[in-house]
PDB file of N, CA and C in Angstrom:
ATOM      1  N   MET A   1     115.582  77.939  91.337  1.00  0.00           N
ATOM      2  CA  MET A   1     115.430  76.583  92.845  1.00  0.00           C
ATOM      3  C   MET A   1     115.524  77.810  93.593  1.00  0.00           C
ATOM      4  N   LEU A   2     114.982  77.444  95.260  1.00  0.00           N
ATOM      5  CA  LEU A   2     115.250  78.312  96.427  1.00  0.00           C
ATOM      6  C   LEU A   2     115.617  77.047  97.148  1.00  0.00           C
ATOM      7  N   TYR A   3     115.974  77.133  98.179  1.00  0.00           N
ATOM      8  CA  TYR A   3     116.353  76.387  99.618  1.00  0.00           C
ATOM      9  C   TYR A   3     115.908  77.092 100.631  1.00  0.00           C
ATOM     10  N   LEU A   4     114.801  76.475 101.452  1.00  0.00           N
ATOM     11  CA  LEU A   4     114.229  76.829 102.570  1.00  0.00           C
ATOM     12  C   LEU A   4     114.882  76.073 103.505  1.00  0.00           C
ATOM     13  N   GLU A   5     115.086  76.131 105.147  1.00  0.00           N
ATOM     14  CA  GLU A   5     115.023  75.562 106.171  1.00  0.00           C
ATOM     15  C   GLU A   5     114.669  76.288 107.435  1.00  0.00           C
ATOM     16  N   HIS A   6     114.062  75.609 108.384  1.00  0.00           N
ATOM     17  CA  HIS A   6     114.377  76.114 109.507  1.00  0.00           C
ATOM     18  C   HIS A   6     114.377  75.440 110.680  1.00  0.00           C
ATOM     19  N   ALA A   7     113.939  75.314 111.741  1.00  0.00           N
ATOM     20  CA  ALA A   7     114.734  74.353 112.721  1.00  0.00           C
ATOM     21  C   ALA A   7     114.777  72.920 112.645  1.00  0.00           C
ATOM     22  N   GLN A   8     113.680  72.308 112.160  1.00  0.00           N
ATOM     23  CA  GLN A   8     113.338  70.961 112.240  1.00  0.00           C
ATOM     24  C   GLN A   8     113.756  70.276 111.254  1.00  0.00           C
ATOM     25  N   ALA A   9     113.671  71.378 109.418  1.00  0.00           N
ATOM     26  CA  ALA A   9     113.941  70.776 108.209  1.00  0.00           C
ATOM     27  C   ALA A   9     113.935  71.613 107.144  1.00  0.00           C
ATOM     28  N   GLY A  10     114.317  71.140 105.575  1.00  0.00           N
ATOM     29  CA  GLY A  10     114.548  71.713 104.664  1.00  0.00           C
ATOM     30  C   GLY A  10     113.980  71.691 103.377  1.00  0.00           C
ATOM     31  N   ILE A  11     113.672  72.722 102.589  1.00  0.00           N
ATOM     32  CA  ILE A  11     113.146  71.940 101.782  1.00  0.00           C
ATOM     33  C   ILE A  11     113.135  72.618 100.533  1.00  0.00           C
ATOM     34  N   LEU A  12     113.909  71.816  99.191  1.00  0.00           N
ATOM     35  CA  LEU A  12     113.951  72.409  97.894  1.00  0.00           C
ATOM     36  C   LEU A  12     112.757  73.201  96.801  1.00  0.00           C
ATOM     37  N   ILE A  13     112.735  73.898  96.562  1.00  0.00           N
ATOM     38  CA  ILE A  13     111.829  74.739  95.912  1.00  0.00           C
ATOM     39  C   ILE A  13     112.021  74.711  94.315  1.00  0.00           C
ATOM     40  N   GLN A  14     111.039  73.550  93.687  1.00  0.00           N
ATOM     41  CA  GLN A  14     111.793  74.538  91.767  1.00  0.00           C
ATOM     42  C   GLN A  14     110.700  74.916  90.745  1.00  0.00           C
ATOM     43  N   ASP A  15     109.328  74.596  91.314  1.00  0.00           N
ATOM     44  CA  ASP A  15     108.046  74.770  90.719  1.00  0.00           C
ATOM     45  C   ASP A  15     108.344  76.179  90.198  1.00  0.00           C
ATOM     46  N   SER A  16     107.504  76.499  89.357  1.00  0.00           N
ATOM     47  CA  SER A  16     108.319  78.383  88.528  1.00  0.00           C
ATOM     48  C   SER A  16     107.204  79.409  88.910  1.00  0.00           C
ATOM     49  N   ALA A  17     105.589  78.592  89.357  1.00  0.00           N
ATOM     50  CA  ALA A  17     104.945  79.252  89.785  1.00  0.00           C
ATOM     51  C   ALA A  17     105.094  79.603  91.868  1.00  0.00           C
ATOM     52  N   ASP A  18     106.082  78.632  91.863  1.00  0.00           N
ATOM     53  CA  ASP A  18     106.030  79.448  93.712  1.00  0.00           C
ATOM     54  C   ASP A  18     107.046  79.829  93.995  1.00  0.00           C
ATOM     55  N   LEU A  19     108.096  79.674  93.033  1.00  0.00           N
ATOM     56  CA  LEU A  19     109.495  80.817  92.482  1.00  0.00           C
ATOM     57  C   LEU A  19     109.061  81.938  92.552  1.00  0.00           C
ATOM     58  N   LYS A  20     108.026  82.166  91.736  1.00  0.00           N
ATOM     59  CA  LYS A  20     107.469  83.595  91.269  1.00  0.00           C
ATOM     60  C   LYS A  20     107.176  84.128  92.442  1.00  0.00           C
ATOM     61  N   GLU A  21     106.003  83.647  93.202  1.00  0.00           N
ATOM     62  CA  GLU A  21     105.596  83.752  94.884  1.00  0.00           C
ATOM     63  C   GLU A  21     106.360  84.077  96.159  1.00  0.00           C
ATOM     64  N   PHE A  22     107.392  83.344  95.816  1.00  0.00           N
ATOM     65  CA  PHE A  22     108.540  83.477  96.907  1.00  0.00           C
ATOM     66  C   PHE A  22     109.276  84.820  96.395  1.00  0.00           C
ATOM     67  N   SER A  23     109.440  85.271  94.780  1.00  0.00           N
ATOM     68  CA  SER A  23     110.451  86.163  94.914  1.00  0.00           C
ATOM     69  C   SER A  23     109.611  87.462  94.679  1.00  0.00           C
ATOM     70  N   GLU A  24     108.083  87.435  94.398  1.00  0.00           N
ATOM     71  CA  GLU A  24     107.629  88.745  94.703  1.00  0.00           C
ATOM     72  C   GLU A  24     107.292  88.919  96.076  1.00  0.00           C
ATOM     73  N   ARG A  25     107.381  88.036  97.299  1.00  0.00           N
ATOM     74  CA  ARG A  25     107.622  88.518  98.285  1.00  0.00           C
ATOM     75  C   ARG A  25     108.965  88.853  98.930  1.00  0.00           C
ATOM     76  N   PHE A  26     109.698  88.363  98.550  1.00  0.00           N
ATOM     77  CA  PHE A  26     111.055  88.633  98.779  1.00  0.00           C
ATOM     78  C   PHE A  26     110.280  90.202  98.495  1.00  0.00           C
ATOM     79  N   ALA A  27     110.656  90.481  97.058  1.00  0.00           N
ATOM     80  CA  ALA A  27     110.937  92.039  96.951  1.00  0.00           C
ATOM     81  C   ALA A  27     109.698  92.787  97.450  1.00  0.00           C
ATOM     82  N   ASP A  28     108.326  92.603  98.066  1.00  0.00           N
ATOM     83  CA  ASP A  28     108.327  93.354  99.082  1.00  0.00           C
ATOM     84  C   ASP A  28     108.929  93.746 100.050  1.00  0.00           C
ATOM     85  N   LEU A  29     109.353  92.792 100.739  1.00  0.00           N
ATOM     86  CA  LEU A  29     110.377  92.686 102.006  1.00  0.00           C
ATOM     87  C   LEU A  29     111.203  93.894 102.119  1.00  0.00           C
ATOM     88  N   ARG A  30     112.143  94.081 100.654  1.00  0.00           N
ATOM     89  CA  ARG A  30     112.569  94.487 100.451  1.00  0.00           C
ATOM     90  C   ARG A  30     112.608  96.103  99.806  1.00  0.00           C
ATOM     91  N   GLY A  31     111.464  96.211  99.948  1.00  0.00           N
ATOM     92  CA  GLY A  31     110.569  97.439  99.658  1.00  0.00           C
ATOM     93  C   GLY A  31     110.703  98.327 101.123  1.00  0.00           C
ATOM     94  N   VAL A  32     110.369  97.367 101.569  1.00  0.00           N
ATOM     95  CA  VAL A  32     109.607  98.133 103.149  1.00  0.00           C
ATOM     96  C   VAL A  32     111.072  97.870 104.407  1.00  0.00           C
ATOM     97  N   ALA A  33     111.812  97.574 103.715  1.00  0.00           N
ATOM     98  CA  ALA A  33     112.979  96.877 104.611  1.00  0.00           C
ATOM     99  C   ALA A  33     114.119  99.014 104.745  1.00  0.00           C
ATOM    100  N   LEU A  34     114.706  98.380 106.154  1.00  0.00           N
ATOM    101  CA  LEU A  34     115.351 100.320 105.840  1.00  0.00           C
ATOM    102  C   LEU A  34     116.632  99.609 105.251  1.00  0.00           C
ATOM    103  N   PRO A  35     116.960 100.594 105.112  1.00  0.00           N
ATOM    104  CA  PRO A  35     118.342 100.983 104.963  1.00  0.00           C
ATOM    105  C   PRO A  35     120.066 100.383 105.527  1.00  0.00           C
ATOM    106  N   PRO A  36     120.821  99.298 104.760  1.00  0.00           N
ATOM    107  CA  PRO A  36     121.930  98.804 105.648  1.00  0.00           C
ATOM    108  C   PRO A  36     122.534 100.030 107.063  1.00  0.00           C
ATOM    109  N   PRO A  37     122.435 101.039 106.613  1.00  0.00           N
ATOM    110  CA  PRO A  37     122.856 102.013 107.637  1.00  0.00           C
ATOM    111  C   PRO A  37     122.116 101.945 109.129  1.00  0.00           C
ATOM    112  N   GLU A  38     120.876 102.246 108.634  1.00  0.00           N
ATOM    113  CA  GLU A  38     118.925 102.598 109.524  1.00  0.00           C
ATOM    114  C   GLU A  38     119.283 101.377 110.253  1.00  0.00           C
ATOM    115  N   SER A  39     119.446 100.010 109.549  1.00  0.00           N
ATOM    116  CA  SER A  39     119.005  98.951 110.245  1.00  0.00           C
ATOM    117  C   SER A  39     120.108  98.680 110.986  1.00  0.00           C
ATOM    118  N   ARG A  40     121.396  98.365 111.033  1.00  0.00           N
ATOM    119  CA  ARG A  40     122.190  98.966 112.029  1.00  0.00           C
ATOM    120  C   ARG A  40     121.874  99.262 113.221  1.00  0.00           C
ATOM    121  N   LYS A  41     121.537 100.655 112.773  1.00  0.00           N
ATOM    122  CA  LYS A  41     121.657 101.446 113.924  1.00  0.00           C
ATOM    123  C   LYS A  41     120.398 100.996 114.571  1.00  0.00           C
ATOM    124  N   LEU A  42     119.249 100.754 114.278  1.00  0.00           N
ATOM    125  CA  LEU A  42     118.114 100.531 114.939  1.00  0.00           C
ATOM    126  C   LEU A  42     118.609  99.023 115.747  1.00  0.00           C
ATOM    127  N   VAL A  43     118.978  98.231 115.148  1.00  0.00           N
ATOM    128  CA  VAL A  43     119.416  96.607 115.973  1.00  0.00           C
ATOM    129  C   VAL A  43     120.467  97.255 117.615  1.00  0.00           C
ATOM    130  N   GLU A  44     121.369  98.270 117.210  1.00  0.00           N
ATOM    131  CA  GLU A  44     121.933  98.498 117.614  1.00  0.00           C
ATOM    132  C   GLU A  44     121.293  99.625 119.171  1.00  0.00           C
ATOM    133  N   GLU A  45     120.483 100.340 118.564  1.00  0.00           N
ATOM    134  CA  GLU A  45     119.370 100.936 119.858  1.00  0.00           C
ATOM    135  C   GLU A  45     118.669  99.763 120.612  1.00  0.00           C
ATOM    136  N   ILE A  46     117.763  99.141 120.144  1.00  0.00           N
ATOM    137  CA  ILE A  46     117.516  97.474 120.866  1.00  0.00           C
ATOM    138  C   ILE A  46     118.297  96.874 121.562  1.00  0.00           C
ATOM    139  N   ARG A  47     119.379  96.329 120.797  1.00  0.00           N
ATOM    140  CA  ARG A  47     120.633  95.846 121.665  1.00  0.00           C
ATOM    141  C   ARG A  47     120.810  96.293 122.962  1.00  0.00           C
ATOM    142  N   GLY A  48     120.628  97.658 123.186  1.00  0.00           N
ATOM    143  CA  GLY A  48     121.149  98.312 124.299  1.00  0.00           C
ATOM    144  C   GLY A  48     119.949  98.134 125.038  1.00  0.00           C
ATOM    145  N   GLU A  49     119.254  98.076 124.908  1.00  0.00           N
ATOM    146  CA  GLU A  49     117.759  97.884 125.524  1.00  0.00           C
ATOM    147  C   GLU A  49     117.897  96.709 126.633  1.00  0.00           C
ATOM    148  N   PHE A  50     118.749  95.564 125.883  1.00  0.00           N
ATOM    149  CA  PHE A  50     118.884  93.986 126.653  1.00  0.00           C
ATOM    150  C   PHE A  50     120.019  94.192 127.172  1.00  0.00           C
ATOM    151  N   ARG A  51     120.618  95.393 127.710  1.00  0.00           N
ATOM    152  CA  ARG A  51     122.009  95.095 128.389  1.00  0.00           C
ATOM    153  C   ARG A  51     121.994  95.427 129.774  1.00  0.00           C
TER     154      ARG A  51
END
């Protein structure tokens, strides 16, 4: 089961084919994401540009 929501609505996904696709996409995102310490550092650097 997967629950997705945005500013206007939410949807519950239970179809196994859809779940597989979302799972694969999420795995791809995790594969290219920075490790937590590097992510934190990047967010702090960008936040400093807005001060």
